[in-house]
C-alpha atoms as a PDB file:
ATOM      1  CA  UNK A   1      77.206 109.567  80.044  1.00  0.00           C
ATOM      2  CA  UNK A   2      79.307 110.840  77.103  1.00  0.00           C
ATOM      3  CA  UNK A   3      83.065 110.637  78.081  1.00  0.00           C
ATOM      4  CA  UNK A   4      83.695 114.241  76.770  1.00  0.00           C
ATOM      5  CA  UNK A   5      80.903 115.400  78.995  1.00  0.00           C
ATOM      6  CA  UNK A   6      82.504 113.581  81.975  1.00  0.00           C
ATOM      7  CA  UNK A   7      85.737 115.371  81.385  1.00  0.00           C
ATOM      8  CA  UNK A   8      84.086 118.919  81.032  1.00  0.00           C
ATOM      9  CA  UNK A   9      81.988 118.437  84.105  1.00  0.00           C
ATOM     10  CA  UNK A  10      85.084 117.091  86.007  1.00  0.00           C
ATOM     11  CA  UNK A  11      87.085 120.118  85.067  1.00  0.00           C
ATOM     12  CA  UNK A  12      84.365 122.521  85.899  1.00  0.00           C
ATOM     13  CA  UNK A  13      83.611 120.957  89.226  1.00  0.00           C
ATOM     14  CA  UNK A  14      87.435 120.919  90.089  1.00  0.00           C
ATOM     15  CA  UNK A  15      87.334 124.711  89.500  1.00  0.00           C
ATOM     16  CA  UNK A  16      84.090 125.205  91.653  1.00  0.00           C
ATOM     17  CA  UNK A  17      85.871 122.965  94.378  1.00  0.00           C
ATOM     18  CA  UNK A  18      88.613 125.456  94.533  1.00  0.00           C
ATOM     19  CA  UNK A  19      86.098 128.172  95.422  1.00  0.00           C
ATOM     20  CA  UNK A  20      84.595 125.984  98.115  1.00  0.00           C
ATOM     21  CA  UNK A  21      88.043 125.355  99.650  1.00  0.00           C
ATOM     22  CA  UNK A  22      88.882 129.185  99.604  1.00  0.00           C
ATOM     23  CA  UNK A  23      85.582 129.953 101.141  1.00  0.00           C
ATOM     24  CA  UNK A  24      86.115 127.404 103.932  1.00  0.00           C
ATOM     25  CA  UNK A  25      89.632 128.706 104.615  1.00  0.00           C
ATOM     26  CA  UNK A  26      88.218 132.284 104.578  1.00  0.00           C
ATOM     27  CA  UNK A  27      85.796 131.164 107.308  1.00  0.00           C
ATOM     28  CA  UNK A  28      88.608 129.376 109.315  1.00  0.00           C
ATOM     29  CA  UNK A  29      90.675 132.430 109.079  1.00  0.00           C
ATOM     30  CA  UNK A  30      87.865 134.630 110.462  1.00  0.00           C
ATOM     31  CA  UNK A  31      87.763 132.266 113.353  1.00  0.00           C
ATOM     32  CA  UNK A  32      91.474 132.814 113.978  1.00  0.00           C
ATOM     33  CA  UNK A  33      92.077 129.117 114.126  1.00  0.00           C
ATOM     34  CA  UNK A  34      94.583 129.111 111.361  1.00  0.00           C
ATOM     35  CA  UNK A  35      96.932 131.177 113.199  1.00  0.00           C
ATOM     36  CA  UNK A  36      96.948 129.621 116.553  1.00  0.00           C
ATOM     37  CA  UNK A  37      99.698 127.215 116.026  1.00  0.00           C
ATOM     38  CA  UNK A  38      97.898 124.420 117.507  1.00  0.00           C
ATOM     39  CA  UNK A  39      97.616 121.499 114.857  1.00  0.00           C
ATOM     40  CA  UNK A  40      94.757 119.854 116.695  1.00  0.00           C
ATOM     41  CA  UNK A  41      92.822 122.869 116.892  1.00  0.00           C
ATOM     42  CA  UNK A  42      93.503 123.718 113.127  1.00  0.00           C
ATOM     43  CA  UNK A  43      92.471 120.173 112.315  1.00  0.00           C
ATOM     44  CA  UNK A  44      89.094 120.447 114.253  1.00  0.00           C
ATOM     45  CA  UNK A  45      88.373 123.876 112.582  1.00  0.00           C
ATOM     46  CA  UNK A  46      88.900 122.472 109.078  1.00  0.00           C
ATOM     47  CA  UNK A  47      86.586 119.507 109.973  1.00  0.00           C
ATOM     48  CA  UNK A  48      83.967 121.843 111.034  1.00  0.00           C
ATOM     49  CA  UNK A  49      83.878 123.944 107.824  1.00  0.00           C
ATOM     50  CA  UNK A  50      81.074 122.879 105.633  1.00  0.00           C
ATOM     51  CA  UNK A  51      82.775 124.575 102.660  1.00  0.00           C
ATOM     52  CA  UNK A  52      85.656 122.310 103.080  1.00  0.00           C
ATOM     53  CA  UNK A  53      83.390 119.285 103.084  1.00  0.00           C
ATOM     54  CA  UNK A  54      81.876 120.515  99.902  1.00  0.00           C
ATOM     55  CA  UNK A  55      85.274 120.915  98.468  1.00  0.00           C
ATOM     56  CA  UNK A  56      86.268 117.306  99.364  1.00  0.00           C
ATOM     57  CA  UNK A  57      82.906 115.871  98.000  1.00  0.00           C
ATOM     58  CA  UNK A  58      83.248 117.798  94.771  1.00  0.00           C
ATOM     59  CA  UNK A  59      86.895 116.768  94.300  1.00  0.00           C
ATOM     60  CA  UNK A  60      86.053 113.200  94.764  1.00  0.00           C
ATOM     61  CA  UNK A  61      83.159 113.370  92.132  1.00  0.00           C
ATOM     62  CA  UNK A  62      85.316 115.274  89.722  1.00  0.00           C
ATOM     63  CA  UNK A  63      88.046 112.661  90.069  1.00  0.00           C
ATOM     64  CA  UNK A  64      85.665 109.870  89.475  1.00  0.00           C
ATOM     65  CA  UNK A  65      84.198 111.590  86.234  1.00  0.00           C
ATOM     66  CA  UNK A  66      87.872 112.110  85.197  1.00  0.00           C
ATOM     67  CA  UNK A  67      88.769 108.587  85.603  1.00  0.00           C
ATOM     68  CA  UNK A  68      85.579 107.313  83.846  1.00  0.00           C
ATOM     69  CA  UNK A  69      86.017 109.805  80.941  1.00  0.00           C
ATOM     70  CA  UNK A  70      89.721 109.170  80.656  1.00  0.00           C
ATOM     71  CA  UNK A  71      89.023 105.538  80.156  1.00  0.00           C
ATOM     72  CA  UNK A  72      87.502 106.328  76.703  1.00  0.00           C
ATOM     73  CA  UNK A  73      89.257 109.366  75.468  1.00  0.00           C
ATOM     74  CA  UNK A  74      92.825 110.093  74.422  1.00  0.00           C
ATOM     75  CA  UNK A  75      95.019 111.506  77.216  1.00  0.00           C
ATOM     76  CA  UNK A  76      96.387 113.993  74.606  1.00  0.00           C
ATOM     77  CA  UNK A  77      92.756 115.355  74.175  1.00  0.00           C
ATOM     78  CA  UNK A  78      91.682 115.244  77.854  1.00  0.00           C
ATOM     79  CA  UNK A  79      94.662 116.514  79.648  1.00  0.00           C
ATOM     80  CA  UNK A  80      94.954 119.968  78.203  1.00  0.00           C
ATOM     81  CA  UNK A  81      91.260 120.529  78.874  1.00  0.00           C
ATOM     82  CA  UNK A  82      92.388 120.844  82.672  1.00  0.00           C
ATOM     83  CA  UNK A  83      93.352 124.330  81.438  1.00  0.00           C
ATOM     84  CA  UNK A  84      89.813 125.381  81.413  1.00  0.00           C
ATOM     85  CA  UNK A  85      90.095 125.372  85.180  1.00  0.00           C
ATOM     86  CA  UNK A  86      92.474 128.345  85.210  1.00  0.00           C
ATOM     87  CA  UNK A  87      89.867 130.175  83.228  1.00  0.00           C
ATOM     88  CA  UNK A  88      87.054 129.290  85.439  1.00  0.00           C
ATOM     89  CA  UNK A  89      89.106 129.968  88.692  1.00  0.00           C
ATOM     90  CA  UNK A  90      90.033 133.401  87.436  1.00  0.00           C
ATOM     91  CA  UNK A  91      86.354 134.282  86.631  1.00  0.00           C
ATOM     92  CA  UNK A  92      84.975 132.855  89.749  1.00  0.00           C
ATOM     93  CA  UNK A  93      87.706 134.552  91.840  1.00  0.00           C
ATOM     94  CA  UNK A  94      86.684 137.898  90.505  1.00  0.00           C
ATOM     95  CA  UNK A  95      82.938 137.277  90.906  1.00  0.00           C
ATOM     96  CA  UNK A  96      82.760 135.502  94.145  1.00  0.00           C
ATOM     97  CA  UNK A  97      85.717 136.861  96.078  1.00  0.00           C
ATOM     98  CA  UNK A  98      85.958 140.321  94.297  1.00  0.00           C
ATOM     99  CA  UNK A  99      89.568 139.681  93.596  1.00  0.00           C
ATOM    100  CA  UNK A 100      91.184 141.977  91.255  1.00  0.00           C
ATOM    101  CA  UNK A 101      92.230 140.215  88.086  1.00  0.00           C
ATOM    102  CA  UNK A 102      94.367 142.455  85.974  1.00  0.00           C
ATOM    103  CA  UNK A 103      94.513 142.882  82.312  1.00  0.00           C
ATOM    104  CA  UNK A 104      97.640 140.764  81.927  1.00  0.00           C
ATOM    105  CA  UNK A 105      95.870 137.789  83.574  1.00  0.00           C
ATOM    106  CA  UNK A 106      92.914 138.159  81.288  1.00  0.00           C
ATOM    107  CA  UNK A 107      95.142 138.160  78.310  1.00  0.00           C
ATOM    108  CA  UNK A 108      96.795 134.892  79.544  1.00  0.00           C
ATOM    109  CA  UNK A 109      93.159 133.629  80.156  1.00  0.00           C
ATOM    110  CA  UNK A 110      92.349 134.505  76.559  1.00  0.00           C
ATOM    111  CA  UNK A 111      95.409 132.698  75.223  1.00  0.00           C
ATOM    112  CA  UNK A 112      94.586 129.562  77.290  1.00  0.00           C
ATOM    113  CA  UNK A 113      90.975 129.715  75.945  1.00  0.00           C
ATOM    114  CA  UNK A 114      92.193 129.773  72.458  1.00  0.00           C
ATOM    115  CA  UNK A 115      94.312 126.709  73.127  1.00  0.00           C
ATOM    116  CA  UNK A 116      91.266 124.849  74.698  1.00  0.00           C
ATOM    117  CA  UNK A 117      89.112 125.672  71.838  1.00  0.00           C
ATOM    118  CA  UNK A 118      91.603 124.377  69.339  1.00  0.00           C
ATOM    119  CA  UNK A 119      91.977 121.100  71.386  1.00  0.00           C
ATOM    120  CA  UNK A 120      88.226 120.646  71.850  1.00  0.00           C
ATOM    121  CA  UNK A 121      87.518 120.992  68.289  1.00  0.00           C
ATOM    122  CA  UNK A 122      90.204 118.466  67.170  1.00  0.00           C
END
């Protein structure tokens, strides 16, 4: 696989993994296990959340792709591309969780996007 593709997939999968984690924690919150104060009960609740398992699996795959891609690319190219995660998480938060992302955040996302485009084309 192309090292650039590995980096882009890694960054995208990392952002999606954050959505999985938030969904799992929301499910845990609904079960009221997160507020019980019992660490064992909290750990069992986390282990039973499929979304949290998806987060872990996604994160492991994203990390593996990152490592493989980084072997062949310059760090000064790859690392700034992690910023695309900010863009994706803002977008996914608004779409999946219906979170309100105000205009100032979208301006920040546009600035980050411009930087990513400049780096990706270098």
